Amino acid sequence: MNMLHLDDTIVATATGEVVSAIGIVRLSGKKTFEIVQKLYPHKNLNLLPSHTLHFGKIYDENQKVLDEVVISLFKAPHSYTGEDVIEISCHGNPLILKKVIEACIQYGARLANPGEFTLRAFLNGKLDLTQAEAIADLIHAQSEKAHELALKQLKGGFSKDLKSLRTQLLDLASLLELELDFSEEDVEFADREQLLNTLLQIYYKIKELKDSFRYGNVIKQGIPTVIAGQPNAGKSSLLNLLLNEERAIVSDIAGTTRDTIEETLNLNGILFQFIDTAGIRKTSDTIETIGIQKTYEKIHKARILIYLFDCSNTSESQILEDLQSFPLKDLYLILVANKLDLNPNFEFNQNLVKLSSRAIKISCKKPQTIDILKNCLFEYTINLTQTDGTIITNARHYESLENCYQALNQALEGMKNGISTEFIAQDLRQVLYYLGTITGEITNDEILGNIFSKFCIGK
């Protein structure tokens, strides 16, 4: 993103370029009122109060009527960007919106870059960088929980946590820097026991925030959930029932599913990324072998494994052999006995139950039994969602927190080993730097360009 033209007045549609009842053209910058005045000659806009609405016709340079509109006025600094802003609410025909934008450009505006309105809001102190990123997350949230987390971050919950940590660290760093200034006099301004206790508190708080990314990322992106098992266990039938559509081919022929099939499902406000995989078995078929290898790759990346087996003809030894080949330590394993209609008296062996997080019985011939599985999936999400604390969903934030964590760990190790104040102070400078990169107190054009280029134009 070119940072050299922020004095320009920018224009873009704030609504999608589709036919709709209303479409909005937004302008921001020093010449906003001057430009719109040429389109809307009915009133002197500069004399009108901020945060008012005005109805009337707007005209192009040839005095041809473009549309009947409502103009919303927002005078600096009381606007989204902190600059003079006007929003022109037109009829939602993309052709009309295009003509209005062309007229604004003709009178001196330029087309906004992606995310440039929010970039200006950040640069003018209307929000910090975490809140700016939360706006993008809010726009793209695909589930209720992702929406909730983005809204919480937009309100500044994460920012308050970071500000508190940074204030404490600044106080400590200042005392250490003062000691360095008087190093020849061998004085300590920072009580070492108090310093250690405060650093430990900050250390554990940053660890808590960092570790929350494990939950926040899956809430934002969706929980990867693999359906695995022997051929003809009913994996594709189960996927179709979960999605309530014929997404996967169902056949009595073993090995029908050769590649993974991935689909998203929203259950109770949580996004699940379901992955139907090739049946696990020994085979000489080259293509099927590749599919089975992909099955194991997906299981290694999953958070939930639904192991499905035909309870009418699958031996316990076969199930145990499959399960022992999986990385069960980090998986929430749901053991699912399918085809209960063929073996209604089936009961789980305790050896199998001990290996699983949950063990349930279903029949894909009886769709109502699938609710049991959905309840198991929902139970898993309770630990993810029942928290009042801050949850990190942004990979950039996680990386910076990881760097903070490592620098703090180094400072604590240094204190334990009695290293000089100079090295501890350097570690604290590193922590302060990385905390500053999260909120935008420390940044550069490359970081900002990378963040705001992912926004839609007009936001």
Protein backbone atom coordinates (compact mmCIF):
# COMPACT_ATOMS: atom_id res chain seq x y z
CA MET A 1 0.00 0.00 0.00
CA ASN A 2 1.39 3.38 -0.99
CA MET A 3 1.70 5.46 2.19
CA LEU A 4 2.63 8.65 0.29
CA HIS A 5 -0.86 9.76 -0.75
CA LEU A 6 -2.74 9.86 2.55
CA ASP A 7 -3.52 13.57 2.02
CA ASP A 8 -5.65 12.67 -1.00
CA THR A 9 -9.41 12.55 -0.78
CA ILE A 10 -10.51 8.97 -1.42
CA VAL A 11 -13.76 7.48 -2.69
CA ALA A 12 -15.19 3.96 -2.93
CA THR A 13 -18.41 2.02 -2.56
CA ALA A 14 -19.05 0.98 1.03
CA THR A 15 -21.52 -1.67 -0.11
CA GLY A 16 -21.15 -4.64 -2.45
CA GLU A 17 -21.30 -4.13 -6.19
CA VAL A 18 -24.55 -6.03 -6.61
CA VAL A 19 -28.09 -4.92 -7.36
CA SER A 20 -29.71 -3.90 -4.07
CA ALA A 21 -32.18 -1.41 -2.62
CA ILE A 22 -29.43 0.93 -1.44
CA GLY A 23 -25.77 1.41 -2.30
CA ILE A 24 -23.38 3.72 -0.47
CA VAL A 25 -20.51 5.76 -1.87
CA ARG A 26 -18.08 6.93 0.80
CA LEU A 27 -15.55 9.78 0.63
CA SER A 28 -12.88 10.77 3.15
CA GLY A 29 -10.28 13.52 3.12
CA LYS A 30 -9.67 17.26 3.09
CA LYS A 31 -11.60 17.94 -0.14
CA THR A 32 -14.61 15.74 0.70
CA PHE A 33 -17.07 18.60 1.23
CA GLU A 34 -15.69 20.57 -1.74
CA ILE A 35 -16.14 17.57 -4.08
CA VAL A 36 -19.63 16.60 -2.93
CA GLN A 37 -20.72 20.24 -3.03
CA LYS A 38 -20.25 20.15 -6.84
CA LEU A 39 -22.55 17.11 -7.08
CA TYR A 40 -25.08 18.49 -4.60
CA PRO A 41 -25.57 22.27 -5.15
CA HIS A 42 -28.78 22.65 -3.11
CA LYS A 43 -27.19 23.63 0.24
CA ASN A 44 -23.86 24.94 1.47
CA LEU A 45 -22.50 21.75 3.03
CA ASN A 46 -19.82 23.53 5.03
CA LEU A 47 -22.50 25.44 6.95
CA LEU A 48 -24.48 22.33 7.85
CA PRO A 49 -23.85 20.58 11.19
CA SER A 50 -22.03 17.28 11.40
CA HIS A 51 -23.98 14.03 11.72
CA THR A 52 -26.96 15.26 9.68
CA LEU A 53 -28.79 13.77 6.70
CA HIS A 54 -29.85 15.66 3.56
CA PHE A 55 -32.07 14.51 0.70
CA GLY A 56 -31.88 15.71 -2.90
CA LYS A 57 -30.67 15.14 -6.46
CA ILE A 58 -27.00 14.89 -7.39
CA TYR A 59 -25.60 15.89 -10.80
CA ASP A 60 -22.58 15.04 -12.94
CA GLU A 61 -20.31 17.65 -14.54
CA ASN A 62 -22.81 18.09 -17.41
CA GLN A 63 -25.58 18.87 -14.90
CA LYS A 64 -27.27 15.58 -15.71
CA VAL A 65 -29.17 14.04 -12.80
CA LEU A 66 -27.39 10.93 -11.51
CA ASP A 67 -29.82 9.93 -8.77
CA GLU A 68 -31.95 11.02 -5.84
CA VAL A 69 -29.86 10.41 -2.73
CA VAL A 70 -29.44 10.91 1.00
CA ILE A 71 -26.16 12.55 2.01
CA SER A 72 -24.70 11.85 5.47
CA LEU A 73 -22.22 14.41 6.80
CA PHE A 74 -19.44 13.63 9.30
CA LYS A 75 -17.02 16.43 10.05
CA ALA A 76 -13.49 15.84 11.31
CA PRO A 77 -12.48 14.62 13.79
CA HIS A 78 -15.86 13.06 14.64
CA SER A 79 -15.95 10.41 11.92
CA TYR A 80 -14.83 6.84 11.30
CA THR A 81 -11.54 7.94 9.73
CA GLY A 82 -11.05 11.07 11.83
CA GLU A 83 -11.25 13.11 8.60
CA ASP A 84 -14.15 14.83 6.85
CA VAL A 85 -16.38 11.99 5.64
CA ILE A 86 -19.51 12.01 3.49
CA GLU A 87 -21.60 8.97 2.61
CA ILE A 88 -23.92 9.19 -0.40
CA SER A 89 -26.77 6.68 -0.17
CA CYS A 90 -27.98 5.97 -3.71
CA HIS A 91 -30.26 3.42 -5.28
CA GLY A 92 -28.31 0.18 -5.33
CA ASN A 93 -27.74 -0.14 -9.07
CA PRO A 94 -24.01 -0.81 -9.74
CA LEU A 95 -24.24 1.46 -12.81
CA ILE A 96 -25.43 4.40 -10.65
CA LEU A 97 -22.71 3.78 -8.07
CA LYS A 98 -20.09 3.67 -10.83
CA LYS A 99 -21.31 7.00 -12.26
CA VAL A 100 -21.27 8.67 -8.84
CA ILE A 101 -17.72 7.49 -8.20
CA GLU A 102 -16.62 8.66 -11.65
CA ALA A 103 -18.09 12.09 -10.91
CA CYS A 104 -16.25 12.28 -7.58
CA ILE A 105 -12.98 11.32 -9.30
CA GLN A 106 -13.65 13.94 -11.97
CA TYR A 107 -13.91 16.58 -9.22
CA GLY A 108 -10.64 15.57 -7.51
CA ALA A 109 -11.03 12.36 -5.52
CA ARG A 110 -9.14 9.15 -6.20
CA LEU A 111 -10.28 5.56 -5.83
CA ALA A 112 -9.44 4.19 -2.39
CA ASN A 113 -7.03 1.33 -1.90
CA PRO A 114 -8.27 -1.80 -0.09
CA GLY A 115 -8.73 -1.00 3.59
CA GLU A 116 -7.64 2.62 3.21
CA PHE A 117 -10.57 4.07 5.17
CA THR A 118 -9.69 1.85 8.15
CA LEU A 119 -5.97 2.59 7.67
CA ARG A 120 -6.74 6.29 8.04
CA ALA A 121 -8.83 5.55 11.13
CA PHE A 122 -5.80 3.78 12.61
CA LEU A 123 -3.32 6.50 11.65
CA ASN A 124 -5.64 9.17 13.10
CA GLY A 125 -5.90 7.35 16.43
CA LYS A 126 -9.55 6.31 16.10
CA LEU A 127 -8.63 2.67 16.78
CA ASP A 128 -5.49 0.60 17.28
CA LEU A 129 -4.17 -2.10 14.98
CA THR A 130 -5.86 -5.00 16.80
CA GLN A 131 -9.22 -3.23 16.49
CA ALA A 132 -8.58 -2.52 12.81
CA GLU A 133 -7.89 -6.22 12.21
CA ALA A 134 -11.00 -7.08 14.21
CA ILE A 135 -13.06 -5.15 11.64
CA ALA A 136 -11.81 -7.44 8.86
CA ASP A 137 -12.55 -10.48 11.06
CA LEU A 138 -16.04 -9.15 11.78
CA ILE A 139 -16.77 -8.78 8.07
CA HIS A 140 -15.54 -12.30 7.26
CA ALA A 141 -16.83 -14.15 10.36
CA GLN A 142 -18.54 -17.37 9.30
CA SER A 143 -19.97 -18.43 12.65
CA GLU A 144 -21.61 -16.87 15.68
CA LYS A 145 -18.59 -17.54 17.90
CA ALA A 146 -16.14 -16.05 15.36
CA HIS A 147 -18.44 -13.01 15.16
CA GLU A 148 -18.51 -12.77 18.97
CA LEU A 149 -14.71 -12.91 19.27
CA ALA A 150 -14.21 -10.29 16.54
CA LEU A 151 -16.74 -7.97 18.21
CA LYS A 152 -15.01 -8.40 21.57
CA GLN A 153 -11.66 -7.49 20.05
CA LEU A 154 -13.19 -4.51 18.24
CA LYS A 155 -14.46 -3.21 21.59
CA GLY A 156 -10.85 -3.21 22.79
CA GLY A 157 -10.71 -6.16 25.22
CA PHE A 158 -7.41 -7.44 23.85
CA SER A 159 -6.03 -3.90 23.60
CA LYS A 160 -6.74 -3.29 27.31
CA ASP A 161 -4.88 -6.48 28.25
CA LEU A 162 -1.86 -5.43 26.19
CA LYS A 163 -1.91 -1.85 27.48
CA SER A 164 -1.86 -3.10 31.06
CA LEU A 165 1.06 -5.45 30.35
CA ARG A 166 2.97 -2.75 28.49
CA THR A 167 2.48 -0.21 31.30
CA GLN A 168 3.87 -2.65 33.87
CA LEU A 169 6.83 -3.49 31.65
CA LEU A 170 7.56 0.17 30.95
CA ASP A 171 7.71 0.87 34.69
CA LEU A 172 10.16 -1.99 35.20
CA ALA A 173 12.24 -1.14 32.14
CA SER A 174 12.48 2.50 33.25
CA LEU A 175 13.88 1.51 36.64
CA LEU A 176 16.43 -0.81 35.02
CA GLU A 177 17.45 1.87 32.54
CA LEU A 178 17.88 4.26 35.48
CA GLU A 179 20.18 1.74 37.14
CA LEU A 180 22.28 1.59 33.99
CA ASP A 181 22.64 5.39 34.06
CA PHE A 182 24.06 5.11 37.60
CA SER A 183 25.98 1.88 37.03
CA GLU A 184 29.21 3.31 38.41
CA GLU A 185 27.51 4.00 41.75
CA ASP A 186 26.31 0.39 42.10
CA VAL A 187 22.69 1.19 43.09
CA GLU A 188 19.47 -0.79 42.54
CA PHE A 189 16.28 1.14 41.86
CA ALA A 190 14.28 -2.03 41.10
CA ASP A 191 13.84 -4.43 44.00
CA ARG A 192 14.91 -7.78 42.52
CA GLU A 193 12.27 -9.87 44.30
CA GLN A 194 9.50 -7.50 43.24
CA LEU A 195 10.94 -7.42 39.72
CA LEU A 196 10.94 -11.21 39.55
CA ASN A 197 7.35 -11.49 40.82
CA THR A 198 6.07 -8.88 38.36
CA LEU A 199 7.90 -10.49 35.44
CA LEU A 200 6.44 -13.87 36.38
CA GLN A 201 2.91 -12.41 36.43
CA ILE A 202 3.44 -10.88 32.99
CA TYR A 203 5.06 -14.10 31.76
CA TYR A 204 2.05 -16.23 32.73
CA LYS A 205 -0.42 -13.70 31.31
CA ILE A 206 1.38 -13.67 27.95
CA LYS A 207 1.52 -17.48 28.02
CA GLU A 208 -2.24 -17.55 28.66
CA LEU A 209 -2.89 -15.21 25.72
CA LYS A 210 -0.49 -17.12 23.47
CA ASP A 211 -1.99 -20.51 24.35
CA SER A 212 -5.51 -19.23 23.66
CA PHE A 213 -4.62 -19.11 19.95
CA ARG A 214 -4.96 -22.88 19.90
CA TYR A 215 -8.68 -22.38 20.52
CA GLY A 216 -9.14 -19.05 18.80
CA ASN A 217 -7.70 -20.22 15.49
CA VAL A 218 -10.05 -23.19 15.21
CA ILE A 219 -13.05 -21.04 16.18
CA LYS A 220 -12.12 -18.58 13.43
CA GLN A 221 -11.13 -21.09 10.74
CA GLY A 222 -13.31 -24.04 11.75
CA ILE A 223 -12.51 -27.18 13.76
CA PRO A 224 -10.82 -29.76 11.48
CA THR A 225 -12.82 -32.97 11.95
CA VAL A 226 -11.77 -36.14 10.15
CA ILE A 227 -14.11 -39.05 9.45
CA ALA A 228 -11.97 -42.19 9.14
CA GLY A 229 -12.42 -45.94 9.21
CA GLN A 230 -12.42 -49.13 7.17
CA PRO A 231 -13.94 -49.20 3.63
CA ASN A 232 -17.74 -49.48 3.60
CA ALA A 233 -18.05 -48.36 7.22
CA GLY A 234 -20.48 -45.66 6.08
CA LYS A 235 -18.19 -42.61 6.17
CA SER A 236 -19.64 -40.99 3.05
CA SER A 237 -23.19 -41.70 4.20
CA LEU A 238 -22.39 -40.05 7.53
CA LEU A 239 -20.95 -36.96 5.82
CA ASN A 240 -24.06 -36.65 3.65
CA LEU A 241 -26.31 -36.90 6.71
CA LEU A 242 -24.30 -34.30 8.63
CA LEU A 243 -24.45 -31.90 5.69
CA ASN A 244 -28.02 -32.85 4.82
CA GLU A 245 -27.07 -33.19 1.15
CA GLU A 246 -25.63 -35.79 -1.25
CA ARG A 247 -22.08 -34.47 -1.15
CA ALA A 248 -20.14 -37.77 -1.22
CA ILE A 249 -20.70 -40.80 -3.46
CA VAL A 250 -22.18 -43.72 -1.54
CA SER A 251 -21.51 -47.23 -2.87
CA ASP A 252 -21.23 -50.82 -1.65
CA ILE A 253 -17.99 -51.09 -3.62
CA ALA A 254 -15.02 -50.87 -1.25
CA GLY A 255 -12.53 -48.08 -2.01
CA THR A 256 -15.03 -45.73 -3.70
CA THR A 257 -13.60 -42.68 -1.89
CA ARG A 258 -10.09 -42.20 -3.30
CA ASP A 259 -9.45 -38.60 -2.25
CA THR A 260 -10.49 -36.49 0.72
CA ILE A 261 -13.78 -34.58 0.54
CA GLU A 262 -13.97 -31.41 2.65
CA GLU A 263 -17.08 -29.48 3.61
CA THR A 264 -17.98 -26.89 6.25
CA LEU A 265 -20.89 -27.17 8.67
CA ASN A 266 -22.09 -24.68 11.27
CA LEU A 267 -23.26 -26.45 14.42
CA ASN A 268 -24.68 -24.28 17.20
CA GLY A 269 -22.63 -21.28 16.07
CA ILE A 270 -19.33 -23.21 15.75
CA LEU A 271 -17.75 -23.98 12.39
CA PHE A 272 -16.60 -27.55 11.69
CA GLN A 273 -14.43 -28.52 8.72
CA PHE A 274 -15.54 -32.08 8.01
CA ILE A 275 -13.14 -34.26 6.02
CA ASP A 276 -14.33 -37.56 4.56
CA THR A 277 -11.35 -39.81 3.85
CA ALA A 278 -10.42 -42.96 1.94
CA GLY A 279 -11.08 -46.20 3.77
CA ILE A 280 -8.10 -47.58 5.69
CA ARG A 281 -6.97 -50.97 4.41
CA LYS A 282 -4.02 -52.72 2.77
CA THR A 283 -4.26 -52.42 -1.00
CA SER A 284 -2.11 -52.75 -4.11
CA ASP A 285 -4.12 -50.08 -5.94
CA THR A 286 -1.76 -47.12 -6.44
CA ILE A 287 -4.46 -44.43 -6.46
CA GLU A 288 -6.22 -45.86 -3.41
CA THR A 289 -2.86 -46.06 -1.58
CA ILE A 290 -2.31 -42.34 -2.19
CA GLY A 291 -5.80 -41.68 -0.83
CA ILE A 292 -5.03 -43.67 2.34
CA GLN A 293 -1.78 -41.73 2.81
CA LYS A 294 -3.82 -38.51 2.59
CA THR A 295 -6.14 -39.92 5.26
CA TYR A 296 -3.25 -40.18 7.71
CA GLU A 297 -2.02 -36.70 6.77
CA LYS A 298 -5.44 -35.23 7.53
CA ILE A 299 -5.66 -37.11 10.84
CA HIS A 300 -2.33 -35.60 11.93
CA LYS A 301 -3.76 -32.10 11.33
CA ALA A 302 -7.18 -32.77 12.87
CA ARG A 303 -8.55 -31.72 16.26
CA ILE A 304 -11.40 -34.24 16.22
CA LEU A 305 -11.31 -37.78 14.81
CA ILE A 306 -14.56 -39.59 14.17
CA TYR A 307 -13.55 -43.24 13.79
CA LEU A 308 -16.47 -45.03 12.17
CA PHE A 309 -16.79 -48.81 11.98
CA ASP A 310 -19.40 -51.34 10.90
CA CYS A 311 -20.51 -52.91 14.17
CA SER A 312 -21.96 -55.91 12.30
CA ASN A 313 -18.69 -57.22 10.89
CA THR A 314 -15.63 -55.37 12.23
CA SER A 315 -13.45 -57.14 14.79
CA GLU A 316 -12.12 -55.49 17.91
CA SER A 317 -8.57 -56.36 16.87
CA GLN A 318 -9.02 -54.53 13.56
CA ILE A 319 -10.33 -51.41 15.31
CA LEU A 320 -7.46 -51.48 17.81
CA GLU A 321 -4.94 -51.89 14.99
CA ASP A 322 -6.32 -48.81 13.24
CA LEU A 323 -6.50 -46.74 16.42
CA GLN A 324 -2.93 -47.60 17.40
CA SER A 325 -1.74 -46.14 14.10
CA PHE A 326 -3.32 -42.75 14.90
CA PRO A 327 -1.74 -39.89 16.95
CA LEU A 328 -4.44 -40.11 19.64
CA LYS A 329 -2.59 -37.96 22.20
CA ASP A 330 -3.72 -34.66 20.69
CA LEU A 331 -7.02 -35.86 19.24
CA TYR A 332 -10.55 -35.81 20.57
CA LEU A 333 -11.54 -39.32 19.47
CA ILE A 334 -15.20 -40.13 18.95
CA LEU A 335 -15.62 -43.85 18.42
CA VAL A 336 -18.75 -44.46 16.36
CA ALA A 337 -20.33 -47.88 15.88
CA ASN A 338 -22.41 -47.67 12.68
CA LYS A 339 -25.03 -50.00 11.16
CA LEU A 340 -26.71 -50.59 14.48
CA ASP A 341 -29.76 -51.68 12.47
CA LEU A 342 -27.80 -54.82 11.46
CA ASN A 343 -26.58 -55.54 15.00
CA PRO A 344 -29.01 -53.92 17.50
CA ASN A 345 -27.46 -55.76 20.48
CA PHE A 346 -23.94 -54.44 19.89
CA GLU A 347 -22.05 -53.30 23.00
CA PHE A 348 -18.64 -51.63 23.22
CA ASN A 349 -15.72 -53.54 24.68
CA GLN A 350 -14.12 -51.61 27.55
CA ASN A 351 -10.72 -51.76 25.82
CA LEU A 352 -12.19 -49.58 23.06
CA VAL A 353 -14.02 -47.24 25.40
CA LYS A 354 -10.79 -46.49 27.31
CA LEU A 355 -9.09 -45.30 24.11
CA SER A 356 -11.85 -42.89 23.14
CA SER A 357 -13.11 -39.54 24.38
CA ARG A 358 -16.65 -40.64 23.53
CA ALA A 359 -18.10 -43.94 22.24
CA ILE A 360 -21.55 -43.89 20.61
CA LYS A 361 -23.81 -46.11 18.51
CA ILE A 362 -25.66 -44.90 15.38
CA SER A 363 -27.26 -46.11 12.18
CA CYS A 364 -26.96 -44.06 9.00
CA LYS A 365 -30.24 -45.74 8.00
CA LYS A 366 -31.85 -43.89 10.91
CA PRO A 367 -30.93 -40.20 10.50
CA GLN A 368 -32.32 -39.30 13.94
CA THR A 369 -29.40 -41.17 15.56
CA ILE A 370 -26.99 -38.65 13.99
CA ASP A 371 -28.14 -36.13 16.60
CA ILE A 372 -26.18 -38.17 19.15
CA LEU A 373 -22.98 -37.47 17.21
CA LYS A 374 -23.85 -33.79 16.81
CA ASN A 375 -24.29 -33.54 20.59
CA CYS A 376 -20.83 -35.08 21.08
CA LEU A 377 -19.31 -32.51 18.74
CA PHE A 378 -21.09 -29.70 20.56
CA GLU A 379 -19.86 -30.98 23.95
CA TYR A 380 -16.29 -30.73 22.66
CA THR A 381 -16.77 -27.05 21.86
CA ILE A 382 -17.95 -26.13 25.37
CA ASN A 383 -14.38 -25.83 26.66
CA LEU A 384 -13.55 -23.67 23.65
CA THR A 385 -16.39 -21.23 24.11
CA GLN A 386 -17.04 -20.94 27.84
CA THR A 387 -14.47 -18.32 28.77
CA ASP A 388 -14.62 -14.67 29.71
CA GLY A 389 -10.93 -14.19 28.96
CA THR A 390 -9.34 -12.86 25.80
CA ILE A 391 -8.95 -15.40 22.99
CA ILE A 392 -6.37 -14.79 20.26
CA THR A 393 -7.54 -15.55 16.72
CA ASN A 394 -4.91 -13.69 14.65
CA ALA A 395 -1.71 -15.48 13.55
CA ARG A 396 0.24 -12.19 13.55
CA HIS A 397 -0.70 -11.56 17.16
CA TYR A 398 0.28 -15.11 18.09
CA GLU A 399 3.70 -14.73 16.49
CA SER A 400 4.38 -11.48 18.37
CA LEU A 401 3.20 -13.01 21.67
CA GLU A 402 5.46 -16.00 21.07
CA ASN A 403 8.39 -13.60 20.63
CA CYS A 404 7.38 -11.80 23.86
CA TYR A 405 7.20 -15.12 25.66
CA GLN A 406 10.68 -16.16 24.50
CA ALA A 407 12.21 -12.79 25.46
CA LEU A 408 10.59 -12.91 28.92
CA ASN A 409 11.73 -16.48 29.40
CA GLN A 410 15.24 -15.35 28.57
CA ALA A 411 15.00 -12.47 31.08
CA LEU A 412 13.78 -14.82 33.84
CA GLU A 413 16.54 -17.32 33.10
CA GLY A 414 19.03 -14.46 33.19
CA MET A 415 17.82 -13.31 36.61
CA LYS A 416 18.01 -16.86 37.87
CA ASN A 417 21.64 -17.09 36.70
CA GLY A 418 22.54 -13.63 37.99
CA ILE A 419 23.33 -11.92 34.68
CA SER A 420 23.92 -8.19 34.56
CA THR A 421 21.14 -5.59 34.53
CA GLU A 422 22.08 -4.56 30.99
CA PHE A 423 21.04 -7.92 29.52
CA ILE A 424 17.76 -8.04 31.46
CA ALA A 425 16.96 -4.52 30.25
CA GLN A 426 17.65 -5.60 26.67
CA ASP A 427 15.22 -8.53 27.00
CA LEU A 428 12.53 -6.18 28.35
CA ARG A 429 13.09 -3.83 25.41
CA GLN A 430 12.41 -6.78 23.11
CA VAL A 431 9.17 -7.62 24.94
CA LEU A 432 8.01 -3.99 24.72
CA TYR A 433 8.86 -3.91 21.03
CA TYR A 434 6.82 -7.02 20.19
CA LEU A 435 3.85 -5.86 22.29
CA GLY A 436 4.00 -2.56 20.41
CA THR A 437 3.87 -4.31 17.04
CA ILE A 438 0.56 -5.94 17.99
CA THR A 439 -1.30 -2.72 18.75
CA GLY A 440 0.52 -0.64 16.14
CA GLU A 441 2.49 1.56 18.53
CA ILE A 442 5.51 0.21 16.65
CA THR A 443 4.97 -0.53 12.98
CA ASN A 444 6.18 0.14 9.44
CA ASP A 445 4.74 0.57 5.97
CA GLU A 446 5.33 -3.09 5.06
CA ILE A 447 3.31 -4.40 8.01
CA LEU A 448 0.48 -1.93 7.41
CA GLY A 449 0.43 -2.68 3.69
CA ASN A 450 0.19 -6.41 4.38
CA ILE A 451 -2.65 -5.99 6.90
CA PHE A 452 -4.85 -3.48 5.07
CA SER A 453 -4.38 -4.94 1.58
CA LYS A 454 -6.54 -7.86 2.78
CA PHE A 455 -9.52 -5.55 3.47
CA CYS A 456 -12.22 -4.96 0.92
CA ILE A 457 -12.23 -1.65 -0.97
CA GLY A 458 -14.53 0.81 0.77
CA LYS A 459 -13.67 -0.33 4.31
